[in-house]
Amino acid sequence: MIDQCASDQVTEEDAEARKHAAWDRVIRMEAINNFRDYGDLPVSGGGRVRKGRLFRSAHLARASAADLAKLADLGVATVTDLRHPGEQELQPGAWIGRLPLAVIEEPAPEDQEAHEAPHIAAFRESNFSAADLREFLGGHYRIMPFDPRHVAMFRRYFAALAGQDGGMLIHCAAGKDRTGILAWLTHHVLGVHPDDAMADYLLSNDAANIAERLPAVRARMQETYGRPISEEAMYGMLTVTPEFIASLIDALTENAGSVDAYLADVVGLDAAGRDALRARLIV
């Protein structure tokens, strides 16, 4: 199923052009990492995804007053917070009580410990080798789309997109994996070319300020879990690869029949729902 990830005909010049175009959608914030517009892309059949309607980022716990003002100026109306409740409790969004945003999230199940954020459980058990962390992330892309909490949020997210005129911001902790999956699914629904969708997905490797953030994140991880982690392993944990999307596509195909069948049968986004989204978001 790799052909859905990227075209075999892509040249290095094409890839570089797409990367530069993706950079044009990065929006600089003072204290919100990896913030960008993931619209404004051409779609099959003609037209483009509307600009200023689809936004993605890392968490908003440290957002400054200027950042919040920019969110308001951008017209963000709804936030889809893909984090687990424990993460939200530790790092609540700075917009809460300050901006009148609707929120899409799901409460914790009764068995909170059994449903903690999967990366937290993985870090606790991991030997922090680069290979183990990469293996975990690849597996995460196979499991997360079928997590009942995320399925419920995906349903609400797509319904909100089809029914609102304001901007939608999706985020998780780093804005690269859970957020990357939902943004990729959105691009698929809208008919964005797979290579453009991949360029947007991979932009997290550049837009997330990894080189600047790595030392502090590494130190915090070592202190929290009481064991060393190499720079190589830390870099692997903070970045994304095309293989992760390949794992996602394979899992959706194996477990649901296809990406479209997953969206219809698991998420509840049928042909009529897709048409409504395209009518609302494509110009």
C-alpha atoms as a PDB file:
ATOM      1  CA  MET A   1       0.000   0.000   0.000  1.00  0.00           C
ATOM      2  CA  ILE A   2       3.043   2.281  -0.117  1.00  0.00           C
ATOM      3  CA  ASP A   3       1.785   3.801  -3.360  1.00  0.00           C
ATOM      4  CA  GLN A   4      -0.762   5.771  -1.346  1.00  0.00           C
ATOM      5  CA  CYS A   5       2.057   7.415   0.595  1.00  0.00           C
ATOM      6  CA  ALA A   6       4.089   8.907  -2.206  1.00  0.00           C
ATOM      7  CA  SER A   7       4.293   8.710  -5.966  1.00  0.00           C
ATOM      8  CA  ASP A   8       7.050   6.633  -7.550  1.00  0.00           C
ATOM      9  CA  GLN A   9       7.482   9.437 -10.093  1.00  0.00           C
ATOM     10  CA  VAL A  10       8.493  12.122  -7.601  1.00  0.00           C
ATOM     11  CA  THR A  11      11.819  13.756  -8.420  1.00  0.00           C
ATOM     12  CA  GLU A  12      14.149  15.394  -5.936  1.00  0.00           C
ATOM     13  CA  GLU A  13      13.165  18.738  -7.462  1.00  0.00           C
ATOM     14  CA  ASP A  14       9.470  17.965  -6.922  1.00  0.00           C
ATOM     15  CA  ALA A  15      10.084  16.980  -3.308  1.00  0.00           C
ATOM     16  CA  GLU A  16      12.114  20.120  -2.651  1.00  0.00           C
ATOM     17  CA  ALA A  17       9.439  22.322  -4.230  1.00  0.00           C
ATOM     18  CA  ARG A  18       6.763  20.730  -2.076  1.00  0.00           C
ATOM     19  CA  LYS A  19       8.892  21.218   1.019  1.00  0.00           C
ATOM     20  CA  HIS A  20       9.319  24.930   0.294  1.00  0.00           C
ATOM     21  CA  ALA A  21       5.591  25.284  -0.382  1.00  0.00           C
ATOM     22  CA  ALA A  22       4.852  23.588   2.927  1.00  0.00           C
ATOM     23  CA  TRP A  23       7.141  26.034   4.732  1.00  0.00           C
ATOM     24  CA  ASP A  24       4.962  28.868   3.460  1.00  0.00           C
ATOM     25  CA  ARG A  25       2.157  27.517   5.656  1.00  0.00           C
ATOM     26  CA  VAL A  26       4.207  27.554   8.870  1.00  0.00           C
ATOM     27  CA  ILE A  27       2.924  30.225  11.266  1.00  0.00           C
ATOM     28  CA  ARG A  28       5.428  31.595  13.759  1.00  0.00           C
ATOM     29  CA  MET A  29       4.293  31.588  17.364  1.00  0.00           C
ATOM     30  CA  GLU A  30       6.151  32.677  20.489  1.00  0.00           C
ATOM     31  CA  ALA A  31       5.480  29.562  22.564  1.00  0.00           C
ATOM     32  CA  ILE A  32       3.387  27.140  20.498  1.00  0.00           C
ATOM     33  CA  ASN A  33       5.564  24.667  18.658  1.00  0.00           C
ATOM     34  CA  ASN A  34       5.017  23.199  15.185  1.00  0.00           C
ATOM     35  CA  PHE A  35       2.075  25.496  14.303  1.00  0.00           C
ATOM     36  CA  ARG A  36       0.923  25.592  10.708  1.00  0.00           C
ATOM     37  CA  ASP A  37      -1.984  25.796   8.289  1.00  0.00           C
ATOM     38  CA  TYR A  38      -2.467  22.382   6.683  1.00  0.00           C
ATOM     39  CA  GLY A  39      -4.917  23.689   4.105  1.00  0.00           C
ATOM     40  CA  ASP A  40      -4.173  25.740   0.975  1.00  0.00           C
ATOM     41  CA  LEU A  41      -3.249  22.655  -1.076  1.00  0.00           C
ATOM     42  CA  PRO A  42      -4.485  21.596  -4.527  1.00  0.00           C
ATOM     43  CA  VAL A  43      -6.933  18.693  -4.691  1.00  0.00           C
ATOM     44  CA  SER A  44      -7.846  16.134  -7.317  1.00  0.00           C
ATOM     45  CA  GLY A  45     -10.561  17.306  -9.675  1.00  0.00           C
ATOM     46  CA  GLY A  46      -9.525  20.943  -9.344  1.00  0.00           C
ATOM     47  CA  GLY A  47      -9.659  23.561  -6.649  1.00  0.00           C
ATOM     48  CA  ARG A  48      -7.729  23.973  -3.408  1.00  0.00           C
ATOM     49  CA  VAL A  49      -8.316  23.373   0.261  1.00  0.00           C
ATOM     50  CA  ARG A  50      -9.372  26.624   1.884  1.00  0.00           C
ATOM     51  CA  LYS A  51      -6.629  28.588   3.592  1.00  0.00           C
ATOM     52  CA  GLY A  52      -7.190  29.633   7.191  1.00  0.00           C
ATOM     53  CA  ARG A  53      -9.541  26.812   8.128  1.00  0.00           C
ATOM     54  CA  LEU A  54      -7.257  23.911   9.076  1.00  0.00           C
ATOM     55  CA  PHE A  55      -4.482  24.359  11.642  1.00  0.00           C
ATOM     56  CA  ARG A  56      -2.222  21.913  13.482  1.00  0.00           C
ATOM     57  CA  SER A  57       0.307  22.280  16.278  1.00  0.00           C
ATOM     58  CA  ALA A  58       1.905  20.877  19.401  1.00  0.00           C
ATOM     59  CA  HIS A  59       0.231  21.473  22.784  1.00  0.00           C
ATOM     60  CA  LEU A  60      -0.832  24.960  23.851  1.00  0.00           C
ATOM     61  CA  ALA A  61       0.163  24.814  27.523  1.00  0.00           C
ATOM     62  CA  ARG A  62       2.788  27.548  27.221  1.00  0.00           C
ATOM     63  CA  ALA A  63       0.992  29.766  24.701  1.00  0.00           C
ATOM     64  CA  SER A  64       1.750  33.445  25.300  1.00  0.00           C
ATOM     65  CA  ALA A  65      -0.737  36.278  25.266  1.00  0.00           C
ATOM     66  CA  ALA A  66       0.504  37.157  21.790  1.00  0.00           C
ATOM     67  CA  ASP A  67      -0.032  33.560  20.669  1.00  0.00           C
ATOM     68  CA  LEU A  68      -3.601  33.581  21.961  1.00  0.00           C
ATOM     69  CA  ALA A  69      -4.247  36.867  20.190  1.00  0.00           C
ATOM     70  CA  LYS A  70      -2.945  35.321  16.981  1.00  0.00           C
ATOM     71  CA  LEU A  71      -5.255  32.306  17.416  1.00  0.00           C
ATOM     72  CA  ALA A  72      -8.158  34.731  17.669  1.00  0.00           C
ATOM     73  CA  ASP A  73      -6.964  36.700  14.642  1.00  0.00           C
ATOM     74  CA  LEU A  74      -6.669  33.463  12.636  1.00  0.00           C
ATOM     75  CA  GLY A  75     -10.298  32.717  13.348  1.00  0.00           C
ATOM     76  CA  VAL A  76      -9.761  29.481  15.267  1.00  0.00           C
ATOM     77  CA  ALA A  77     -13.174  28.426  16.582  1.00  0.00           C
ATOM     78  CA  THR A  78     -12.613  24.829  17.690  1.00  0.00           C
ATOM     79  CA  VAL A  79      -9.713  22.903  19.220  1.00  0.00           C
ATOM     80  CA  THR A  80      -9.441  19.126  18.855  1.00  0.00           C
ATOM     81  CA  ASP A  81      -7.161  17.995  21.690  1.00  0.00           C
ATOM     82  CA  LEU A  82      -5.961  14.474  20.884  1.00  0.00           C
ATOM     83  CA  ARG A  83      -4.028  14.058  24.118  1.00  0.00           C
ATOM     84  CA  HIS A  84      -5.023  11.669  26.867  1.00  0.00           C
ATOM     85  CA  PRO A  85      -6.717  13.184  29.947  1.00  0.00           C
ATOM     86  CA  GLY A  86      -3.584  12.742  32.052  1.00  0.00           C
ATOM     87  CA  GLU A  87      -1.592  14.812  29.586  1.00  0.00           C
ATOM     88  CA  GLN A  88      -4.285  17.485  29.561  1.00  0.00           C
ATOM     89  CA  GLU A  89      -4.254  17.654  33.345  1.00  0.00           C
ATOM     90  CA  LEU A  90      -0.474  18.077  33.477  1.00  0.00           C
ATOM     91  CA  GLN A  91      -0.360  20.646  30.675  1.00  0.00           C
ATOM     92  CA  PRO A  92      -3.743  22.363  30.281  1.00  0.00           C
ATOM     93  CA  GLY A  93      -4.169  24.621  27.269  1.00  0.00           C
ATOM     94  CA  ALA A  94      -3.336  28.233  28.053  1.00  0.00           C
ATOM     95  CA  TRP A  95      -6.387  29.337  26.049  1.00  0.00           C
ATOM     96  CA  ILE A  96      -8.812  27.817  28.581  1.00  0.00           C
ATOM     97  CA  GLY A  97     -10.797  30.610  30.230  1.00  0.00           C
ATOM     98  CA  ARG A  98      -9.232  33.186  27.923  1.00  0.00           C
ATOM     99  CA  LEU A  99     -10.634  32.354  24.479  1.00  0.00           C
ATOM    100  CA  PRO A 100     -14.201  31.218  23.738  1.00  0.00           C
ATOM    101  CA  LEU A 101     -13.180  28.110  21.794  1.00  0.00           C
ATOM    102  CA  ALA A 102     -15.199  24.941  21.433  1.00  0.00           C
ATOM    103  CA  VAL A 103     -13.226  21.810  22.313  1.00  0.00           C
ATOM    104  CA  ILE A 104     -13.324  18.266  21.018  1.00  0.00           C
ATOM    105  CA  GLU A 105     -11.894  15.808  23.511  1.00  0.00           C
ATOM    106  CA  GLU A 106     -12.896  12.555  25.188  1.00  0.00           C
ATOM    107  CA  PRO A 107     -13.036  11.853  28.942  1.00  0.00           C
ATOM    108  CA  ALA A 108     -10.878   9.248  30.608  1.00  0.00           C
ATOM    109  CA  PRO A 109     -12.303   5.731  30.859  1.00  0.00           C
ATOM    110  CA  GLU A 110     -12.984   4.389  34.335  1.00  0.00           C
ATOM    111  CA  ASP A 111      -9.786   2.343  34.177  1.00  0.00           C
ATOM    112  CA  GLN A 112      -7.529   5.375  33.789  1.00  0.00           C
ATOM    113  CA  GLU A 113      -4.252   3.523  34.403  1.00  0.00           C
ATOM    114  CA  ALA A 114      -4.937   0.979  31.680  1.00  0.00           C
ATOM    115  CA  HIS A 115      -5.608   3.792  29.222  1.00  0.00           C
ATOM    116  CA  GLU A 116      -2.712   6.122  29.936  1.00  0.00           C
ATOM    117  CA  ALA A 117      -1.034   7.784  27.005  1.00  0.00           C
ATOM    118  CA  PRO A 118       0.707   4.947  25.120  1.00  0.00           C
ATOM    119  CA  HIS A 119       3.987   6.787  24.766  1.00  0.00           C
ATOM    120  CA  ILE A 120       4.166   7.210  28.546  1.00  0.00           C
ATOM    121  CA  ALA A 121       3.730   3.467  29.061  1.00  0.00           C
ATOM    122  CA  ALA A 122       6.278   2.763  26.333  1.00  0.00           C
ATOM    123  CA  PHE A 123       8.856   5.104  27.854  1.00  0.00           C
ATOM    124  CA  ARG A 124       8.455   3.502  31.260  1.00  0.00           C
ATOM    125  CA  GLU A 125       9.203   0.036  29.850  1.00  0.00           C
ATOM    126  CA  SER A 126      11.645   0.996  27.108  1.00  0.00           C
ATOM    127  CA  ASN A 127      15.396   0.522  27.138  1.00  0.00           C
ATOM    128  CA  PHE A 128      15.498   3.817  25.195  1.00  0.00           C
ATOM    129  CA  SER A 129      17.334   2.356  22.223  1.00  0.00           C
ATOM    130  CA  ALA A 130      16.768   4.033  18.878  1.00  0.00           C
ATOM    131  CA  ALA A 131      15.445   0.775  17.414  1.00  0.00           C
ATOM    132  CA  ASP A 132      12.931   0.216  20.224  1.00  0.00           C
ATOM    133  CA  LEU A 133      11.580   3.754  20.069  1.00  0.00           C
ATOM    134  CA  ARG A 134      11.172   3.588  16.297  1.00  0.00           C
ATOM    135  CA  GLU A 135       9.449   0.214  16.614  1.00  0.00           C
ATOM    136  CA  PHE A 136       7.066   1.654  19.185  1.00  0.00           C
ATOM    137  CA  LEU A 137       6.172   4.619  16.970  1.00  0.00           C
ATOM    138  CA  GLY A 138       5.552   2.393  13.952  1.00  0.00           C
ATOM    139  CA  GLY A 139       3.284   0.201  16.064  1.00  0.00           C
ATOM    140  CA  HIS A 140       1.515   3.261  17.455  1.00  0.00           C
ATOM    141  CA  TYR A 141       0.403   4.195  13.943  1.00  0.00           C
ATOM    142  CA  ARG A 142      -1.208   0.784  13.605  1.00  0.00           C
ATOM    143  CA  ILE A 143      -3.074   0.920  16.922  1.00  0.00           C
ATOM    144  CA  MET A 144      -4.041   4.537  17.524  1.00  0.00           C
ATOM    145  CA  PRO A 145      -6.653   4.896  14.723  1.00  0.00           C
ATOM    146  CA  PHE A 146      -8.709   2.120  16.340  1.00  0.00           C
ATOM    147  CA  ASP A 147      -8.495   3.449  19.908  1.00  0.00           C
ATOM    148  CA  PRO A 148     -12.155   4.106  20.874  1.00  0.00           C
ATOM    149  CA  ARG A 149     -11.272   7.539  22.300  1.00  0.00           C
ATOM    150  CA  HIS A 150      -9.652   8.642  19.083  1.00  0.00           C
ATOM    151  CA  VAL A 151     -12.375   7.150  16.909  1.00  0.00           C
ATOM    152  CA  ALA A 152     -14.934   9.172  18.895  1.00  0.00           C
ATOM    153  CA  MET A 153     -12.877  12.346  18.479  1.00  0.00           C
ATOM    154  CA  PHE A 154     -12.363  11.714  14.768  1.00  0.00           C
ATOM    155  CA  ARG A 155     -16.132  11.417  14.334  1.00  0.00           C
ATOM    156  CA  ARG A 156     -16.747  14.684  16.151  1.00  0.00           C
ATOM    157  CA  TYR A 157     -13.894  16.412  14.339  1.00  0.00           C
ATOM    158  CA  PHE A 158     -15.169  15.569  10.853  1.00  0.00           C
ATOM    159  CA  ALA A 159     -18.731  16.512  11.840  1.00  0.00           C
ATOM    160  CA  ALA A 160     -17.497  19.878  13.145  1.00  0.00           C
ATOM    161  CA  LEU A 161     -15.512  20.546   9.964  1.00  0.00           C
ATOM    162  CA  ALA A 162     -18.603  19.955   7.845  1.00  0.00           C
ATOM    163  CA  GLY A 163     -20.756  22.239   9.975  1.00  0.00           C
ATOM    164  CA  GLN A 164     -18.654  25.255  10.994  1.00  0.00           C
ATOM    165  CA  ASP A 165     -17.207  28.224   9.187  1.00  0.00           C
ATOM    166  CA  GLY A 166     -14.412  29.008  11.656  1.00  0.00           C
ATOM    167  CA  GLY A 167     -10.963  27.503  11.893  1.00  0.00           C
ATOM    168  CA  MET A 168     -10.213  24.100  13.410  1.00  0.00           C
ATOM    169  CA  LEU A 169      -6.972  23.519  15.330  1.00  0.00           C
ATOM    170  CA  ILE A 170      -5.875  19.941  15.994  1.00  0.00           C
ATOM    171  CA  HIS A 171      -3.033  19.149  18.357  1.00  0.00           C
ATOM    172  CA  CYS A 172      -1.533  16.506  20.618  1.00  0.00           C
ATOM    173  CA  ALA A 173       1.687  16.830  22.632  1.00  0.00           C
ATOM    174  CA  ALA A 174       4.296  17.300  19.902  1.00  0.00           C
ATOM    175  CA  GLY A 175       1.870  17.779  17.012  1.00  0.00           C
ATOM    176  CA  LYS A 176       3.508  15.105  14.865  1.00  0.00           C
ATOM    177  CA  ASP A 177       2.040  11.607  15.382  1.00  0.00           C
ATOM    178  CA  ARG A 178      -1.571  11.685  16.591  1.00  0.00           C
ATOM    179  CA  THR A 179      -1.965  15.066  14.930  1.00  0.00           C
ATOM    180  CA  GLY A 180      -0.105  13.822  11.860  1.00  0.00           C
ATOM    181  CA  ILE A 181      -2.485  10.884  11.470  1.00  0.00           C
ATOM    182  CA  LEU A 182      -5.606  13.044  11.655  1.00  0.00           C
ATOM    183  CA  ALA A 183      -4.177  15.659   9.282  1.00  0.00           C
ATOM    184  CA  TRP A 184      -3.209  12.902   6.827  1.00  0.00           C
ATOM    185  CA  LEU A 185      -6.724  11.421   6.975  1.00  0.00           C
ATOM    186  CA  THR A 186      -8.173  14.885   6.369  1.00  0.00           C
ATOM    187  CA  HIS A 187      -5.975  15.361   3.321  1.00  0.00           C
ATOM    188  CA  HIS A 188      -7.032  11.935   2.049  1.00  0.00           C
ATOM    189  CA  VAL A 189     -10.726  12.809   2.421  1.00  0.00           C
ATOM    190  CA  LEU A 190     -10.277  16.116   0.615  1.00  0.00           C
ATOM    191  CA  GLY A 191      -8.328  14.615  -2.270  1.00  0.00           C
ATOM    192  CA  VAL A 192      -4.966  16.227  -1.573  1.00  0.00           C
ATOM    193  CA  HIS A 193      -2.225  14.626  -3.671  1.00  0.00           C
ATOM    194  CA  PRO A 194      -0.363  11.970  -1.608  1.00  0.00           C
ATOM    195  CA  ASP A 195       2.958  13.727  -2.182  1.00  0.00           C
ATOM    196  CA  ASP A 196       1.608  17.040  -0.881  1.00  0.00           C
ATOM    197  CA  ALA A 197       0.086  15.254   2.111  1.00  0.00           C
ATOM    198  CA  MET A 198       3.438  13.583   2.788  1.00  0.00           C
ATOM    199  CA  ALA A 199       5.310  16.886   2.499  1.00  0.00           C
ATOM    200  CA  ASP A 200       3.011  18.413   5.098  1.00  0.00           C
ATOM    201  CA  TYR A 201       3.412  15.389   7.371  1.00  0.00           C
ATOM    202  CA  LEU A 202       7.217  15.416   7.132  1.00  0.00           C
ATOM    203  CA  LEU A 203       7.368  19.167   7.746  1.00  0.00           C
ATOM    204  CA  SER A 204       7.240  18.400  11.474  1.00  0.00           C
ATOM    205  CA  ASN A 205      10.881  17.344  11.150  1.00  0.00           C
ATOM    206  CA  ASP A 206      11.808  20.934  10.296  1.00  0.00           C
ATOM    207  CA  ALA A 207       9.039  23.078  11.768  1.00  0.00           C
ATOM    208  CA  ALA A 208       9.215  21.555  15.250  1.00  0.00           C
ATOM    209  CA  ASN A 209      12.595  23.142  16.157  1.00  0.00           C
ATOM    210  CA  ILE A 210      14.015  19.719  16.967  1.00  0.00           C
ATOM    211  CA  ALA A 211      17.684  20.667  17.092  1.00  0.00           C
ATOM    212  CA  GLU A 212      16.940  23.475  19.536  1.00  0.00           C
ATOM    213  CA  ARG A 213      14.580  21.401  21.717  1.00  0.00           C
ATOM    214  CA  LEU A 214      16.459  18.090  21.754  1.00  0.00           C
ATOM    215  CA  PRO A 215      18.923  18.745  24.618  1.00  0.00           C
ATOM    216  CA  ALA A 216      16.229  19.913  27.043  1.00  0.00           C
ATOM    217  CA  VAL A 217      13.811  17.129  26.104  1.00  0.00           C
ATOM    218  CA  ARG A 218      16.583  14.564  26.428  1.00  0.00           C
ATOM    219  CA  ALA A 219      17.570  15.840  29.867  1.00  0.00           C
ATOM    220  CA  ARG A 220      13.957  15.811  31.021  1.00  0.00           C
ATOM    221  CA  MET A 221      13.435  12.256  29.759  1.00  0.00           C
ATOM    222  CA  GLN A 222      16.574  11.005  31.506  1.00  0.00           C
ATOM    223  CA  GLU A 223      15.557  12.643  34.765  1.00  0.00           C
ATOM    224  CA  THR A 224      11.980  11.371  34.580  1.00  0.00           C
ATOM    225  CA  TYR A 225      12.805   7.760  33.720  1.00  0.00           C
ATOM    226  CA  GLY A 226      16.164   7.425  35.454  1.00  0.00           C
ATOM    227  CA  ARG A 227      18.201   6.052  32.572  1.00  0.00           C
ATOM    228  CA  PRO A 228      20.262   7.458  29.707  1.00  0.00           C
ATOM    229  CA  ILE A 229      18.963   8.053  26.216  1.00  0.00           C
ATOM    230  CA  SER A 230      21.240   8.662  23.256  1.00  0.00           C
ATOM    231  CA  GLU A 231      20.965  11.658  20.953  1.00  0.00           C
ATOM    232  CA  GLU A 232      20.210   9.251  18.109  1.00  0.00           C
ATOM    233  CA  ALA A 233      17.300   7.693  20.010  1.00  0.00           C
ATOM    234  CA  MET A 234      16.033  11.096  21.096  1.00  0.00           C
ATOM    235  CA  TYR A 235      16.121  12.389  17.541  1.00  0.00           C
ATOM    236  CA  GLY A 236      14.250   9.326  16.344  1.00  0.00           C
ATOM    237  CA  MET A 237      11.560   9.887  18.931  1.00  0.00           C
ATOM    238  CA  LEU A 238      11.090  13.534  17.932  1.00  0.00           C
ATOM    239  CA  THR A 239      10.882  12.973  14.165  1.00  0.00           C
ATOM    240  CA  VAL A 240       8.573  11.277  11.677  1.00  0.00           C
ATOM    241  CA  THR A 241       9.231   9.110   8.629  1.00  0.00           C
ATOM    242  CA  PRO A 242       7.285   8.014   5.523  1.00  0.00           C
ATOM    243  CA  GLU A 243       7.365   4.484   6.934  1.00  0.00           C
ATOM    244  CA  PHE A 244       5.036   5.553   9.749  1.00  0.00           C
ATOM    245  CA  ILE A 245       2.365   6.544   7.232  1.00  0.00           C
ATOM    246  CA  ALA A 246       2.988   3.258   5.412  1.00  0.00           C
ATOM    247  CA  SER A 247       2.273   1.464   8.705  1.00  0.00           C
ATOM    248  CA  LEU A 248      -0.910   3.481   9.102  1.00  0.00           C
ATOM    249  CA  ILE A 249      -2.162   2.638   5.610  1.00  0.00           C
ATOM    250  CA  ASP A 250      -1.319  -1.035   6.019  1.00  0.00           C
ATOM    251  CA  ALA A 251      -3.176  -1.205   9.346  1.00  0.00           C
ATOM    252  CA  LEU A 252      -6.270   0.528   7.970  1.00  0.00           C
ATOM    253  CA  THR A 253      -6.246  -1.797   4.963  1.00  0.00           C
ATOM    254  CA  GLU A 254      -5.688  -4.970   6.967  1.00  0.00           C
ATOM    255  CA  ASN A 255      -8.264  -4.174   9.647  1.00  0.00           C
ATOM    256  CA  ALA A 256     -10.900  -2.223   7.713  1.00  0.00           C
ATOM    257  CA  GLY A 257     -10.351  -3.104   4.055  1.00  0.00           C
ATOM    258  CA  SER A 258      -9.015   0.259   2.876  1.00  0.00           C
ATOM    259  CA  VAL A 259      -8.509   3.830   4.036  1.00  0.00           C
ATOM    260  CA  ASP A 260     -11.928   4.787   2.666  1.00  0.00           C
ATOM    261  CA  ALA A 261     -13.573   1.782   4.334  1.00  0.00           C
ATOM    262  CA  TYR A 262     -11.963   2.753   7.639  1.00  0.00           C
ATOM    263  CA  LEU A 263     -13.353   6.267   7.332  1.00  0.00           C
ATOM    264  CA  ALA A 264     -16.821   4.977   6.430  1.00  0.00           C
ATOM    265  CA  ASP A 265     -17.166   1.939   8.674  1.00  0.00           C
ATOM    266  CA  VAL A 266     -15.087   2.912  11.717  1.00  0.00           C
ATOM    267  CA  VAL A 267     -15.232   6.711  11.758  1.00  0.00           C
ATOM    268  CA  GLY A 268     -18.685   6.942  10.173  1.00  0.00           C
ATOM    269  CA  LEU A 269     -17.661   9.278   7.357  1.00  0.00           C
ATOM    270  CA  ASP A 270     -19.636   7.972   4.369  1.00  0.00           C
ATOM    271  CA  ALA A 271     -19.713   9.316   0.815  1.00  0.00           C
ATOM    272  CA  ALA A 272     -22.298  11.963   1.713  1.00  0.00           C
ATOM    273  CA  GLY A 273     -20.172  13.114   4.637  1.00  0.00           C
ATOM    274  CA  ARG A 274     -17.091  13.341   2.454  1.00  0.00           C
ATOM    275  CA  ASP A 275     -19.008  15.367  -0.128  1.00  0.00           C
ATOM    276  CA  ALA A 276     -20.170  17.752   2.606  1.00  0.00           C
ATOM    277  CA  LEU A 277     -16.602  18.255   3.789  1.00  0.00           C
ATOM    278  CA  ARG A 278     -15.331  18.882   0.288  1.00  0.00           C
ATOM    279  CA  ALA A 279     -18.142  21.367  -0.366  1.00  0.00           C
ATOM    280  CA  ARG A 280     -17.256  23.259   2.824  1.00  0.00           C
ATOM    281  CA  LEU A 281     -13.484  23.178   2.542  1.00  0.00           C
ATOM    282  CA  ILE A 282     -12.594  23.237  -1.157  1.00  0.00           C
ATOM    283  CA  VAL A 283     -12.621  26.399  -3.277  1.00  0.00           C
END
